C-alpha atoms as a PDB file:
ATOM      1  CA  UNK A   1     -87.276 -84.315 -11.533  1.00  0.00           C
ATOM      2  CA  UNK A   2     -86.865 -83.491 -15.243  1.00  0.00           C
ATOM      3  CA  UNK A   3     -83.104 -83.834 -14.754  1.00  0.00           C
ATOM      4  CA  UNK A   4     -83.140 -87.059 -12.746  1.00  0.00           C
ATOM      5  CA  UNK A   5     -80.376 -89.551 -13.658  1.00  0.00           C
ATOM      6  CA  UNK A   6     -80.971 -93.066 -14.934  1.00  0.00           C
ATOM      7  CA  UNK A   7     -81.452 -95.475 -12.016  1.00  0.00           C
ATOM      8  CA  UNK A   8     -82.594 -98.529 -13.974  1.00  0.00           C
ATOM      9  CA  UNK A   9     -79.470-100.512 -13.104  1.00  0.00           C
ATOM     10  CA  UNK A  10     -80.144-100.013  -9.384  1.00  0.00           C
ATOM     11  CA  UNK A  11     -83.553-101.661  -9.838  1.00  0.00           C
ATOM     12  CA  UNK A  12     -81.980-104.980 -10.804  1.00  0.00           C
ATOM     13  CA  UNK A  13     -80.802-105.577  -7.239  1.00  0.00           C
ATOM     14  CA  UNK A  14     -82.062-105.962  -3.697  1.00  0.00           C
ATOM     15  CA  UNK A  15     -79.906-104.389  -1.000  1.00  0.00           C
ATOM     16  CA  UNK A  16     -78.602-106.129   2.109  1.00  0.00           C
ATOM     17  CA  UNK A  17     -78.984-103.799   5.099  1.00  0.00           C
ATOM     18  CA  UNK A  18     -75.521-103.187   6.569  1.00  0.00           C
ATOM     19  CA  UNK A  19     -74.325-106.124   4.505  1.00  0.00           C
ATOM     20  CA  UNK A  20     -75.576-109.693   4.675  1.00  0.00           C
ATOM     21  CA  UNK A  21     -75.029-109.931   8.417  1.00  0.00           C
ATOM     22  CA  UNK A  22     -76.047-112.797  10.665  1.00  0.00           C
ATOM     23  CA  UNK A  23     -74.519-112.720  14.124  1.00  0.00           C
ATOM     24  CA  UNK A  24     -75.603-116.285  14.883  1.00  0.00           C
ATOM     25  CA  UNK A  25     -73.159-117.329  12.169  1.00  0.00           C
ATOM     26  CA  UNK A  26     -70.451-114.928  13.340  1.00  0.00           C
ATOM     27  CA  UNK A  27     -71.042-112.251  10.687  1.00  0.00           C
ATOM     28  CA  UNK A  28     -71.608-108.794  12.253  1.00  0.00           C
ATOM     29  CA  UNK A  29     -73.306-105.834  10.578  1.00  0.00           C
ATOM     30  CA  UNK A  30     -71.244-103.338   8.578  1.00  0.00           C
ATOM     31  CA  UNK A  31     -68.243-105.671   8.590  1.00  0.00           C
ATOM     32  CA  UNK A  32     -66.064-106.513   5.615  1.00  0.00           C
ATOM     33  CA  UNK A  33     -67.283-110.089   5.856  1.00  0.00           C
ATOM     34  CA  UNK A  34     -70.976-109.113   5.790  1.00  0.00           C
ATOM     35  CA  UNK A  35     -70.469-106.799   2.825  1.00  0.00           C
ATOM     36  CA  UNK A  36     -68.404-109.316   0.865  1.00  0.00           C
ATOM     37  CA  UNK A  37     -70.996-112.012   1.539  1.00  0.00           C
ATOM     38  CA  UNK A  38     -73.768-109.770   0.180  1.00  0.00           C
ATOM     39  CA  UNK A  39     -71.833-109.269  -3.041  1.00  0.00           C
ATOM     40  CA  UNK A  40     -71.106-112.984  -3.438  1.00  0.00           C
ATOM     41  CA  UNK A  41     -74.796-113.786  -2.916  1.00  0.00           C
ATOM     42  CA  UNK A  42     -75.798-111.483  -5.769  1.00  0.00           C
ATOM     43  CA  UNK A  43     -77.118-108.554  -3.729  1.00  0.00           C
ATOM     44  CA  UNK A  44     -76.360-104.890  -3.631  1.00  0.00           C
ATOM     45  CA  UNK A  45     -75.816-103.459  -0.175  1.00  0.00           C
ATOM     46  CA  UNK A  46     -76.529-100.498   2.047  1.00  0.00           C
ATOM     47  CA  UNK A  47     -74.050 -99.354   4.684  1.00  0.00           C
ATOM     48  CA  UNK A  48     -73.297 -96.334   6.879  1.00  0.00           C
ATOM     49  CA  UNK A  49     -70.317 -94.001   6.983  1.00  0.00           C
ATOM     50  CA  UNK A  50     -69.005 -91.423   9.445  1.00  0.00           C
ATOM     51  CA  UNK A  51     -65.703 -89.805  10.479  1.00  0.00           C
ATOM     52  CA  UNK A  52     -63.176 -90.592  13.174  1.00  0.00           C
ATOM     53  CA  UNK A  53     -61.372 -87.880  15.122  1.00  0.00           C
ATOM     54  CA  UNK A  54     -58.506 -87.986  12.597  1.00  0.00           C
ATOM     55  CA  UNK A  55     -60.945 -87.688   9.650  1.00  0.00           C
ATOM     56  CA  UNK A  56     -60.920 -91.266   8.437  1.00  0.00           C
ATOM     57  CA  UNK A  57     -64.140 -92.407   6.743  1.00  0.00           C
ATOM     58  CA  UNK A  58     -65.309 -95.582   8.500  1.00  0.00           C
ATOM     59  CA  UNK A  59     -68.257 -97.908   8.003  1.00  0.00           C
ATOM     60  CA  UNK A  60     -70.355 -98.037  11.181  1.00  0.00           C
ATOM     61  CA  UNK A  61     -73.953 -97.223  12.092  1.00  0.00           C
ATOM     62  CA  UNK A  62     -74.022 -95.870  15.661  1.00  0.00           C
ATOM     63  CA  UNK A  63     -72.170 -92.783  16.821  1.00  0.00           C
ATOM     64  CA  UNK A  64     -70.940 -94.783  19.823  1.00  0.00           C
ATOM     65  CA  UNK A  65     -69.367 -98.248  19.828  1.00  0.00           C
ATOM     66  CA  UNK A  66     -71.300 -99.185  22.980  1.00  0.00           C
ATOM     67  CA  UNK A  67     -73.717-101.529  21.193  1.00  0.00           C
ATOM     68  CA  UNK A  68     -71.229-102.961  18.713  1.00  0.00           C
ATOM     69  CA  UNK A  69     -68.058-103.229  20.783  1.00  0.00           C
ATOM     70  CA  UNK A  70     -69.135-102.815  24.427  1.00  0.00           C
ATOM     71  CA  UNK A  71     -67.226 -99.564  25.014  1.00  0.00           C
ATOM     72  CA  UNK A  72     -68.950 -96.263  25.776  1.00  0.00           C
ATOM     73  CA  UNK A  73     -66.924 -94.194  23.318  1.00  0.00           C
ATOM     74  CA  UNK A  74     -67.911 -92.041  20.354  1.00  0.00           C
ATOM     75  CA  UNK A  75     -66.198 -92.683  17.032  1.00  0.00           C
ATOM     76  CA  UNK A  76     -65.834 -88.948  16.363  1.00  0.00           C
ATOM     77  CA  UNK A  77     -63.712 -88.717  19.524  1.00  0.00           C
ATOM     78  CA  UNK A  78     -61.396 -91.610  18.613  1.00  0.00           C
ATOM     79  CA  UNK A  79     -58.559 -91.872  16.132  1.00  0.00           C
ATOM     80  CA  UNK A  80     -58.805 -94.721  13.676  1.00  0.00           C
ATOM     81  CA  UNK A  81     -55.826 -96.396  15.347  1.00  0.00           C
ATOM     82  CA  UNK A  82     -57.782 -96.394  18.617  1.00  0.00           C
ATOM     83  CA  UNK A  83     -60.958 -97.621  16.933  1.00  0.00           C
ATOM     84  CA  UNK A  84     -59.100-100.426  15.180  1.00  0.00           C
ATOM     85  CA  UNK A  85     -58.332-102.041  18.541  1.00  0.00           C
ATOM     86  CA  UNK A  86     -61.995-102.974  19.043  1.00  0.00           C
ATOM     87  CA  UNK A  87     -63.932-105.855  17.493  1.00  0.00           C
ATOM     88  CA  UNK A  88     -67.547-105.984  16.336  1.00  0.00           C
ATOM     89  CA  UNK A  89     -70.069-107.888  18.446  1.00  0.00           C
ATOM     90  CA  UNK A  90     -67.554-110.317  19.954  1.00  0.00           C
ATOM     91  CA  UNK A  91     -66.166-111.468  16.587  1.00  0.00           C
ATOM     92  CA  UNK A  92     -62.726-110.918  15.091  1.00  0.00           C
ATOM     93  CA  UNK A  93     -64.097-108.286  12.686  1.00  0.00           C
ATOM     94  CA  UNK A  94     -62.863-104.672  13.140  1.00  0.00           C
ATOM     95  CA  UNK A  95     -64.643-101.495  12.059  1.00  0.00           C
ATOM     96  CA  UNK A  96     -63.573-101.131   8.405  1.00  0.00           C
ATOM     97  CA  UNK A  97     -62.485 -98.082   6.496  1.00  0.00           C
ATOM     98  CA  UNK A  98     -64.618 -97.109   3.518  1.00  0.00           C
ATOM     99  CA  UNK A  99     -61.594 -97.482   1.258  1.00  0.00           C
ATOM    100  CA  UNK A 100     -61.123-101.066   2.481  1.00  0.00           C
ATOM    101  CA  UNK A 101     -64.727-101.866   1.611  1.00  0.00           C
ATOM    102  CA  UNK A 102     -64.440-100.342  -1.865  1.00  0.00           C
ATOM    103  CA  UNK A 103     -61.208-102.238  -2.547  1.00  0.00           C
ATOM    104  CA  UNK A 104     -62.687-105.556  -1.393  1.00  0.00           C
ATOM    105  CA  UNK A 105     -65.859-105.202  -3.486  1.00  0.00           C
ATOM    106  CA  UNK A 106     -64.018-103.781  -6.503  1.00  0.00           C
ATOM    107  CA  UNK A 107     -67.157-102.396  -8.140  1.00  0.00           C
ATOM    108  CA  UNK A 108     -68.865-105.764  -8.593  1.00  0.00           C
ATOM    109  CA  UNK A 109     -72.212-104.764  -7.087  1.00  0.00           C
ATOM    110  CA  UNK A 110     -74.167-101.514  -6.493  1.00  0.00           C
ATOM    111  CA  UNK A 111     -73.855 -99.658  -3.208  1.00  0.00           C
ATOM    112  CA  UNK A 112     -76.222 -97.424  -1.242  1.00  0.00           C
ATOM    113  CA  UNK A 113     -73.974 -95.310   0.972  1.00  0.00           C
ATOM    114  CA  UNK A 114     -75.751 -93.675   3.911  1.00  0.00           C
ATOM    115  CA  UNK A 115     -73.980 -90.676   5.401  1.00  0.00           C
ATOM    116  CA  UNK A 116     -74.742 -90.285   9.103  1.00  0.00           C
ATOM    117  CA  UNK A 117     -75.264 -86.884  10.713  1.00  0.00           C
ATOM    118  CA  UNK A 118     -72.690 -87.163  13.510  1.00  0.00           C
ATOM    119  CA  UNK A 119     -70.045 -84.946  11.891  1.00  0.00           C
ATOM    120  CA  UNK A 120     -69.836 -81.617  10.121  1.00  0.00           C
ATOM    121  CA  UNK A 121     -71.998 -82.262   7.019  1.00  0.00           C
ATOM    122  CA  UNK A 122     -69.775 -80.549   4.463  1.00  0.00           C
ATOM    123  CA  UNK A 123     -66.616 -82.182   5.783  1.00  0.00           C
ATOM    124  CA  UNK A 124     -68.183 -85.652   5.871  1.00  0.00           C
ATOM    125  CA  UNK A 125     -69.532 -85.261   2.341  1.00  0.00           C
ATOM    126  CA  UNK A 126     -66.257 -84.027   0.895  1.00  0.00           C
ATOM    127  CA  UNK A 127     -64.149 -86.756   2.510  1.00  0.00           C
ATOM    128  CA  UNK A 128     -66.631 -89.481   1.614  1.00  0.00           C
ATOM    129  CA  UNK A 129     -66.772 -88.273  -1.968  1.00  0.00           C
ATOM    130  CA  UNK A 130     -62.982 -88.322  -2.150  1.00  0.00           C
ATOM    131  CA  UNK A 131     -63.074 -92.041  -1.296  1.00  0.00           C
ATOM    132  CA  UNK A 132     -65.996 -92.801  -3.607  1.00  0.00           C
ATOM    133  CA  UNK A 133     -64.188 -91.310  -6.566  1.00  0.00           C
ATOM    134  CA  UNK A 134     -62.043 -94.458  -6.485  1.00  0.00           C
ATOM    135  CA  UNK A 135     -65.120 -96.697  -6.739  1.00  0.00           C
ATOM    136  CA  UNK A 136     -65.226 -98.449 -10.114  1.00  0.00           C
ATOM    137  CA  UNK A 137     -68.808 -99.651  -9.807  1.00  0.00           C
ATOM    138  CA  UNK A 138     -72.302 -98.294  -9.330  1.00  0.00           C
ATOM    139  CA  UNK A 139     -73.162 -96.358  -6.178  1.00  0.00           C
ATOM    140  CA  UNK A 140     -75.539 -93.764  -4.820  1.00  0.00           C
ATOM    141  CA  UNK A 141     -75.745 -91.727  -1.624  1.00  0.00           C
ATOM    142  CA  UNK A 142     -78.500 -91.082   0.907  1.00  0.00           C
ATOM    143  CA  UNK A 143     -79.003 -89.482   4.304  1.00  0.00           C
ATOM    144  CA  UNK A 144     -81.633 -88.501   6.836  1.00  0.00           C
ATOM    145  CA  UNK A 145     -79.919 -85.114   7.077  1.00  0.00           C
ATOM    146  CA  UNK A 146     -81.223 -82.739   4.357  1.00  0.00           C
ATOM    147  CA  UNK A 147     -78.002 -80.721   4.589  1.00  0.00           C
ATOM    148  CA  UNK A 148     -76.053 -83.767   3.395  1.00  0.00           C
ATOM    149  CA  UNK A 149     -78.412 -84.493   0.506  1.00  0.00           C
ATOM    150  CA  UNK A 150     -78.294 -80.797  -0.379  1.00  0.00           C
ATOM    151  CA  UNK A 151     -74.469 -80.911  -0.498  1.00  0.00           C
ATOM    152  CA  UNK A 152     -74.583 -83.574  -3.192  1.00  0.00           C
ATOM    153  CA  UNK A 153     -77.220 -81.626  -5.107  1.00  0.00           C
ATOM    154  CA  UNK A 154     -74.921 -78.625  -5.174  1.00  0.00           C
ATOM    155  CA  UNK A 155     -71.523 -80.290  -5.558  1.00  0.00           C
ATOM    156  CA  UNK A 156     -72.147 -83.589  -7.350  1.00  0.00           C
ATOM    157  CA  UNK A 157     -75.518 -83.208  -9.087  1.00  0.00           C
ATOM    158  CA  UNK A 158     -74.800 -86.087 -11.481  1.00  0.00           C
ATOM    159  CA  UNK A 159     -74.826 -88.625  -8.624  1.00  0.00           C
ATOM    160  CA  UNK A 160     -78.013 -90.429  -7.643  1.00  0.00           C
ATOM    161  CA  UNK A 161     -79.016 -89.083  -4.234  1.00  0.00           C
ATOM    162  CA  UNK A 162     -81.767 -90.131  -1.864  1.00  0.00           C
ATOM    163  CA  UNK A 163     -83.608 -88.642   1.091  1.00  0.00           C
ATOM    164  CA  UNK A 164     -84.140 -91.017   4.010  1.00  0.00           C
ATOM    165  CA  UNK A 165     -87.258 -90.415   6.078  1.00  0.00           C
ATOM    166  CA  UNK A 166     -89.725 -92.073   8.434  1.00  0.00           C
ATOM    167  CA  UNK A 167     -92.593 -91.011  10.662  1.00  0.00           C
ATOM    168  CA  UNK A 168     -90.603 -88.708  12.911  1.00  0.00           C
ATOM    169  CA  UNK A 169     -92.155 -87.284  16.074  1.00  0.00           C
ATOM    170  CA  UNK A 170     -91.233 -84.354  18.287  1.00  0.00           C
ATOM    171  CA  UNK A 171     -88.071 -85.206  20.211  1.00  0.00           C
ATOM    172  CA  UNK A 172     -86.718 -87.754  17.731  1.00  0.00           C
ATOM    173  CA  UNK A 173     -83.109 -86.805  17.141  1.00  0.00           C
ATOM    174  CA  UNK A 174     -83.723 -83.571  19.033  1.00  0.00           C
ATOM    175  CA  UNK A 175     -86.322 -82.384  16.510  1.00  0.00           C
ATOM    176  CA  UNK A 176     -88.907 -79.753  17.303  1.00  0.00           C
ATOM    177  CA  UNK A 177     -92.534 -80.505  16.462  1.00  0.00           C
ATOM    178  CA  UNK A 178     -92.236 -78.352  13.315  1.00  0.00           C
ATOM    179  CA  UNK A 179     -89.036 -80.066  12.153  1.00  0.00           C
ATOM    180  CA  UNK A 180     -90.573 -83.505  12.671  1.00  0.00           C
ATOM    181  CA  UNK A 181     -93.676 -82.452  10.728  1.00  0.00           C
ATOM    182  CA  UNK A 182     -91.554 -81.249   7.803  1.00  0.00           C
ATOM    183  CA  UNK A 183     -89.404 -84.371   7.838  1.00  0.00           C
ATOM    184  CA  UNK A 184     -92.100 -87.029   7.928  1.00  0.00           C
ATOM    185  CA  UNK A 185     -94.117 -85.242   5.231  1.00  0.00           C
ATOM    186  CA  UNK A 186     -91.119 -84.785   2.893  1.00  0.00           C
ATOM    187  CA  UNK A 187     -91.279 -81.010   3.030  1.00  0.00           C
ATOM    188  CA  UNK A 188     -87.488 -80.751   2.768  1.00  0.00           C
ATOM    189  CA  UNK A 189     -87.528 -82.142  -0.779  1.00  0.00           C
ATOM    190  CA  UNK A 190     -87.696 -78.624  -2.286  1.00  0.00           C
ATOM    191  CA  UNK A 191     -84.297 -78.064  -0.640  1.00  0.00           C
ATOM    192  CA  UNK A 192     -82.640 -81.390  -1.457  1.00  0.00           C
ATOM    193  CA  UNK A 193     -84.303 -82.425  -4.762  1.00  0.00           C
ATOM    194  CA  UNK A 194     -83.676 -86.159  -4.172  1.00  0.00           C
ATOM    195  CA  UNK A 195     -83.835 -88.743  -6.943  1.00  0.00           C
ATOM    196  CA  UNK A 196     -85.352 -91.331  -4.637  1.00  0.00           C
ATOM    197  CA  UNK A 197     -87.228 -91.352  -1.347  1.00  0.00           C
ATOM    198  CA  UNK A 198     -86.126 -94.013   1.134  1.00  0.00           C
ATOM    199  CA  UNK A 199     -89.018 -94.345   3.561  1.00  0.00           C
ATOM    200  CA  UNK A 200     -89.712 -96.787   6.397  1.00  0.00           C
ATOM    201  CA  UNK A 201     -91.968 -99.430   4.859  1.00  0.00           C
ATOM    202  CA  UNK A 202     -93.968 -99.667   8.101  1.00  0.00           C
ATOM    203  CA  UNK A 203     -95.015 -95.996   7.970  1.00  0.00           C
ATOM    204  CA  UNK A 204     -95.018 -95.206   4.239  1.00  0.00           C
ATOM    205  CA  UNK A 205     -98.785 -94.930   3.771  1.00  0.00           C
ATOM    206  CA  UNK A 206     -99.010 -91.139   3.907  1.00  0.00           C
ATOM    207  CA  UNK A 207    -100.340 -88.562   1.401  1.00  0.00           C
ATOM    208  CA  UNK A 208     -96.878 -87.083   0.841  1.00  0.00           C
ATOM    209  CA  UNK A 209     -95.465 -90.394  -0.346  1.00  0.00           C
ATOM    210  CA  UNK A 210     -98.416 -90.891  -2.698  1.00  0.00           C
ATOM    211  CA  UNK A 211     -97.818 -87.423  -4.107  1.00  0.00           C
ATOM    212  CA  UNK A 212     -94.102 -87.735  -4.797  1.00  0.00           C
ATOM    213  CA  UNK A 213     -94.590 -91.167  -6.379  1.00  0.00           C
ATOM    214  CA  UNK A 214     -97.621 -90.450  -8.515  1.00  0.00           C
ATOM    215  CA  UNK A 215     -97.241 -86.768  -9.328  1.00  0.00           C
ATOM    216  CA  UNK A 216     -93.453 -86.411  -9.492  1.00  0.00           C
ATOM    217  CA  UNK A 217     -92.439 -89.924 -10.532  1.00  0.00           C
ATOM    218  CA  UNK A 218     -90.158 -90.412  -7.535  1.00  0.00           C
ATOM    219  CA  UNK A 219     -88.516 -93.807  -7.070  1.00  0.00           C
ATOM    220  CA  UNK A 220     -89.339 -95.232  -3.639  1.00  0.00           C
ATOM    221  CA  UNK A 221     -86.906 -97.334  -1.608  1.00  0.00           C
ATOM    222  CA  UNK A 222     -88.296 -99.421   1.262  1.00  0.00           C
ATOM    223  CA  UNK A 223     -86.405-100.050   4.504  1.00  0.00           C
ATOM    224  CA  UNK A 224     -85.930-102.154   6.505  1.00  0.00           C
ATOM    225  CA  UNK A 225     -87.680-105.261   5.174  1.00  0.00           C
ATOM    226  CA  UNK A 226     -87.523-108.214   7.563  1.00  0.00           C
ATOM    227  CA  UNK A 227     -90.123-110.655   6.251  1.00  0.00           C
ATOM    228  CA  UNK A 228     -91.070-112.168   2.913  1.00  0.00           C
ATOM    229  CA  UNK A 229     -94.523-110.587   3.251  1.00  0.00           C
ATOM    230  CA  UNK A 230     -92.989-107.116   3.498  1.00  0.00           C
ATOM    231  CA  UNK A 231     -90.643-107.948   0.635  1.00  0.00           C
ATOM    232  CA  UNK A 232     -93.485-109.016  -1.657  1.00  0.00           C
ATOM    233  CA  UNK A 233     -95.457-105.893  -0.754  1.00  0.00           C
ATOM    234  CA  UNK A 234     -92.523-103.612  -1.607  1.00  0.00           C
ATOM    235  CA  UNK A 235     -91.861-105.430  -4.870  1.00  0.00           C
ATOM    236  CA  UNK A 236     -95.524-105.115  -5.864  1.00  0.00           C
ATOM    237  CA  UNK A 237     -95.186-101.345  -5.377  1.00  0.00           C
ATOM    238  CA  UNK A 238     -92.132-101.242  -7.646  1.00  0.00           C
ATOM    239  CA  UNK A 239     -89.839-100.242  -4.792  1.00  0.00           C
ATOM    240  CA  UNK A 240     -86.177-100.953  -4.281  1.00  0.00           C
ATOM    241  CA  UNK A 241     -85.772-103.174  -1.211  1.00  0.00           C
ATOM    242  CA  UNK A 242     -83.307-102.836   1.660  1.00  0.00           C
ATOM    243  CA  UNK A 243     -83.631-106.052   3.671  1.00  0.00           C
ATOM    244  CA  UNK A 244     -82.182-108.096   6.507  1.00  0.00           C
ATOM    245  CA  UNK A 245     -82.817-111.527   8.085  1.00  0.00           C
ATOM    246  CA  UNK A 246     -84.320-112.887   4.864  1.00  0.00           C
ATOM    247  CA  UNK A 247     -82.718-114.254   1.688  1.00  0.00           C
ATOM    248  CA  UNK A 248     -84.398-113.014  -1.500  1.00  0.00           C
ATOM    249  CA  UNK A 249     -83.286-114.340  -4.859  1.00  0.00           C
ATOM    250  CA  UNK A 250     -80.084-112.664  -6.053  1.00  0.00           C
ATOM    251  CA  UNK A 251     -79.801-110.505  -9.150  1.00  0.00           C
ATOM    252  CA  UNK A 252     -79.563-113.673 -11.270  1.00  0.00           C
ATOM    253  CA  UNK A 253     -82.990-114.793 -10.024  1.00  0.00           C
ATOM    254  CA  UNK A 254     -81.539-117.892  -8.391  1.00  0.00           C
ATOM    255  CA  UNK A 255     -83.292-118.836  -5.149  1.00  0.00           C
ATOM    256  CA  UNK A 256     -81.158-118.714  -2.031  1.00  0.00           C
ATOM    257  CA  UNK A 257     -80.901-121.567   0.473  1.00  0.00           C
ATOM    258  CA  UNK A 258     -79.809-121.251   4.075  1.00  0.00           C
ATOM    259  CA  UNK A 259     -77.364-118.711   5.413  1.00  0.00           C
ATOM    260  CA  UNK A 260     -74.890-121.515   6.133  1.00  0.00           C
ATOM    261  CA  UNK A 261     -75.020-122.575   2.489  1.00  0.00           C
ATOM    262  CA  UNK A 262     -74.126-119.024   1.502  1.00  0.00           C
ATOM    263  CA  UNK A 263     -71.188-119.060   3.918  1.00  0.00           C
ATOM    264  CA  UNK A 264     -69.937-122.332   2.449  1.00  0.00           C
ATOM    265  CA  UNK A 265     -70.295-120.983  -1.092  1.00  0.00           C
ATOM    266  CA  UNK A 266     -68.450-117.816  -0.078  1.00  0.00           C
ATOM    267  CA  UNK A 267     -65.448-119.825   1.115  1.00  0.00           C
ATOM    268  CA  UNK A 268     -65.231-121.548  -2.265  1.00  0.00           C
ATOM    269  CA  UNK A 269     -65.694-118.291  -4.212  1.00  0.00           C
ATOM    270  CA  UNK A 270     -63.092-116.419  -2.189  1.00  0.00           C
ATOM    271  CA  UNK A 271     -60.623-119.279  -2.583  1.00  0.00           C
ATOM    272  CA  UNK A 272     -61.067-119.135  -6.364  1.00  0.00           C
ATOM    273  CA  UNK A 273     -60.528-115.366  -6.412  1.00  0.00           C
ATOM    274  CA  UNK A 274     -57.405-115.712  -4.304  1.00  0.00           C
ATOM    275  CA  UNK A 275     -56.030-118.372  -6.639  1.00  0.00           C
ATOM    276  CA  UNK A 276     -56.817-116.270  -9.717  1.00  0.00           C
ATOM    277  CA  UNK A 277     -55.176-113.241  -8.142  1.00  0.00           C
ATOM    278  CA  UNK A 278     -51.912-115.184  -7.692  1.00  0.00           C
ATOM    279  CA  UNK A 279     -51.694-116.161 -11.364  1.00  0.00           C
END
């Protein structure tokens, strides 16, 4: 922890979980629209990446597109051309490439990039890092998989990296009882040396979390916050907040109205950017 990088700029923002999604308003999670809306509302964002069969880095949470697109197919077994034919949650939004997301956001807001554990860890890390090198703004990486966090420790030690954890039990993700014990009590941190600990806010009250915060000075990140009560609790602890289904004040401190008001404001903002880009 003596060599931890400066993460003060990350603390200025709250982070929209999988973008500022709201399916009732036609904005699905991990879509270009949800991520752009989070940026326009003054939030950072958290999103997930994984690889297609032809090694394209895409933004999507589940290994399968069953829940998001209604097809029982795994992304790692599909080419991106095949994946591009599907739409997210009945909308017109496709599964985006990471490079499309980075180009659309253009470094205007900080990103928390979660690498999923569905692919070969080293390959996923290397290909993701190749895309992130084109990012002009602030970003950090995180994962539940200690092998992924370890890769960044060894290969890109200057990047802010985080270890995701929750109260795992035997059988979760195929874990043995011993693996689950090590995971939920942060015993892999000697191996990964994370700069922040992203822990489920509903299960964070454990001795290990107290120890890494108070003895090692670890920054805590709380996920996933879904009520103002949880948000206020996390803020009082000094945590970074990954949220959904609520609208905290943006980085400017301006209070947010309804989701529909944000959508209307986004149309105006995007129109202005388009007009400026044509000049």
